Each structure stands twice: as structure tokens, then as C-alpha cells.
Protein backbone atom coordinates (compact mmCIF):
# COMPACT_ATOMS: atom_id res chain seq x y z
CA MET A 1 -122.94 5.22 -20.03
CA ASP A 2 -125.97 6.88 -18.65
CA CYS A 3 -127.16 6.39 -15.11
CA ASP A 4 -130.51 5.58 -16.58
CA ASP A 5 -128.93 2.76 -18.35
CA GLU A 6 -130.01 -0.72 -17.31
CA HIS A 7 -126.33 -1.43 -16.58
CA PHE A 8 -126.26 0.96 -13.68
CA ILE A 9 -129.78 -0.06 -12.44
CA GLY A 10 -129.10 -3.62 -12.53
CA LYS A 11 -125.87 -3.35 -10.60
CA ILE A 12 -127.46 -1.02 -8.07
CA GLU A 13 -130.33 -3.36 -7.69
CA THR A 14 -128.07 -6.37 -7.35
CA ASP A 15 -126.00 -4.83 -4.71
CA VAL A 16 -128.84 -3.19 -2.73
CA ARG A 17 -130.02 -6.68 -2.16
CA ARG A 18 -126.56 -7.75 -0.64
CA THR A 19 -126.20 -4.73 1.67
CA PHE A 20 -126.49 -5.88 5.28
CA PRO A 21 -129.14 -8.53 4.34
CA ASN A 22 -129.73 -9.51 8.05
CA HIS A 23 -129.96 -6.08 9.59
CA PRO A 24 -133.51 -5.15 10.31
CA PHE A 25 -133.12 -1.81 8.53
CA PHE A 26 -132.49 -3.55 5.18
CA PHE A 27 -134.37 -6.79 5.72
CA GLU A 28 -137.59 -6.06 3.88
CA THR A 29 -137.01 -6.33 0.07
CA ASN A 30 -138.98 -2.98 -0.41
CA GLY A 31 -138.71 -1.74 2.89
CA SER A 32 -137.77 1.89 3.68
CA GLY A 33 -134.23 1.15 4.35
CA VAL A 34 -133.85 -0.62 1.06
CA GLN A 35 -135.61 2.08 -0.64
CA ALA A 36 -133.47 4.74 0.90
CA LEU A 37 -130.39 3.03 -0.14
CA ARG A 38 -131.55 2.58 -3.71
CA ASN A 39 -132.61 6.17 -3.88
CA VAL A 40 -129.10 7.61 -2.51
CA LEU A 41 -127.19 5.33 -4.95
CA GLN A 42 -129.13 6.34 -7.91
CA ALA A 43 -129.17 9.96 -7.11
CA TYR A 44 -125.46 9.87 -6.73
CA CYS A 45 -125.15 8.04 -10.17
CA VAL A 46 -127.13 10.82 -11.85
CA LYS A 47 -125.24 13.60 -10.09
CA ASN A 48 -121.80 12.17 -10.93
CA PRO A 49 -122.33 10.16 -14.31
CA ARG A 50 -118.60 10.25 -14.88
CA ILE A 51 -118.23 7.72 -12.05
CA GLY A 52 -121.80 6.41 -12.03
CA TYR A 53 -122.00 3.65 -9.62
CA CYS A 54 -119.17 1.30 -8.30
CA GLN A 55 -119.52 -1.93 -6.36
CA GLY A 56 -118.81 -1.13 -2.60
CA MET A 57 -120.61 2.17 -2.71
CA ASN A 58 -123.81 0.32 -1.16
CA PHE A 59 -121.92 -0.45 2.08
CA LEU A 60 -120.75 3.14 2.57
CA VAL A 61 -124.20 4.46 1.86
CA GLY A 62 -125.71 1.67 4.08
CA VAL A 63 -123.58 2.75 7.17
CA LEU A 64 -124.43 6.34 6.66
CA LEU A 65 -128.24 5.38 6.48
CA LEU A 66 -127.78 3.27 9.63
CA ASN A 67 -126.40 6.22 11.50
CA MET A 68 -128.53 9.09 9.96
CA LYS A 69 -131.71 7.21 9.22
CA GLU A 70 -132.49 9.72 6.49
CA GLU A 71 -131.67 9.58 2.88
CA VAL A 72 -132.00 13.47 2.67
CA ARG A 73 -128.91 13.61 5.08
CA SER A 74 -127.02 10.47 3.82
CA GLU A 75 -126.69 11.57 0.15
CA PRO A 76 -124.93 14.86 0.85
CA ASN A 77 -122.73 13.25 3.52
CA PHE A 78 -121.93 10.40 1.08
CA ILE A 79 -120.69 12.87 -1.42
CA LEU A 80 -118.62 14.99 1.16
CA PHE A 81 -117.05 11.79 2.25
CA LEU A 82 -116.01 10.90 -1.21
CA THR A 83 -114.87 14.31 -1.85
CA HIS A 84 -113.10 15.09 1.38
CA TYR A 85 -111.05 11.82 1.10
CA ASN A 86 -110.50 12.44 -2.58
CA LEU A 87 -111.83 9.09 -3.44
CA LYS A 88 -111.64 8.17 -7.09
CA LEU A 89 -113.89 5.25 -7.41
């Protein structure tokens, strides 16, 4: 499957809305936190189409965003995290 496929887009969108829904950073449906989370997950999906998107990635990226506040720093750190711990999702 291609990461532009509606399957992946739909899964990401569903999980983005479920990620820390009561936290102020992710509270607004189209707020900066939700958009950053969506962007990082979609970017990873495109960069690694073999894995694409797996349920649970949203919480890992969410924690990175809460601590780094920037998607530009969160995306490479998410990739490093998966690589360093040899996580095969």
C-alpha cells in the first residue's frame, strides 16, 4: 500500500483524534499540536512505506511533540527512536 492510500490517511486521522484528547496541546481539532502530529505521522509513512503507519505510533510522536514542541525536531527523533531500539512495527 502507498502512504497516500486512503487506508493510511484514515488510520492516521482516526488515531490523531485519539491522541491525548484532553491535553491542551492536542485539544483543538485543527490546532497546531494536532497538525504537527498529523504531519510527522504522514511524513514517516512516506519515508518508510514498508512499515507505513501502525497504531500506537501516534502516542510515541505525541510524547515527542509534548517535549520538543516542534515537528521539525520530533520527526527525526522518532525515526532515531525506532532505529536505535530496533523496533519493527
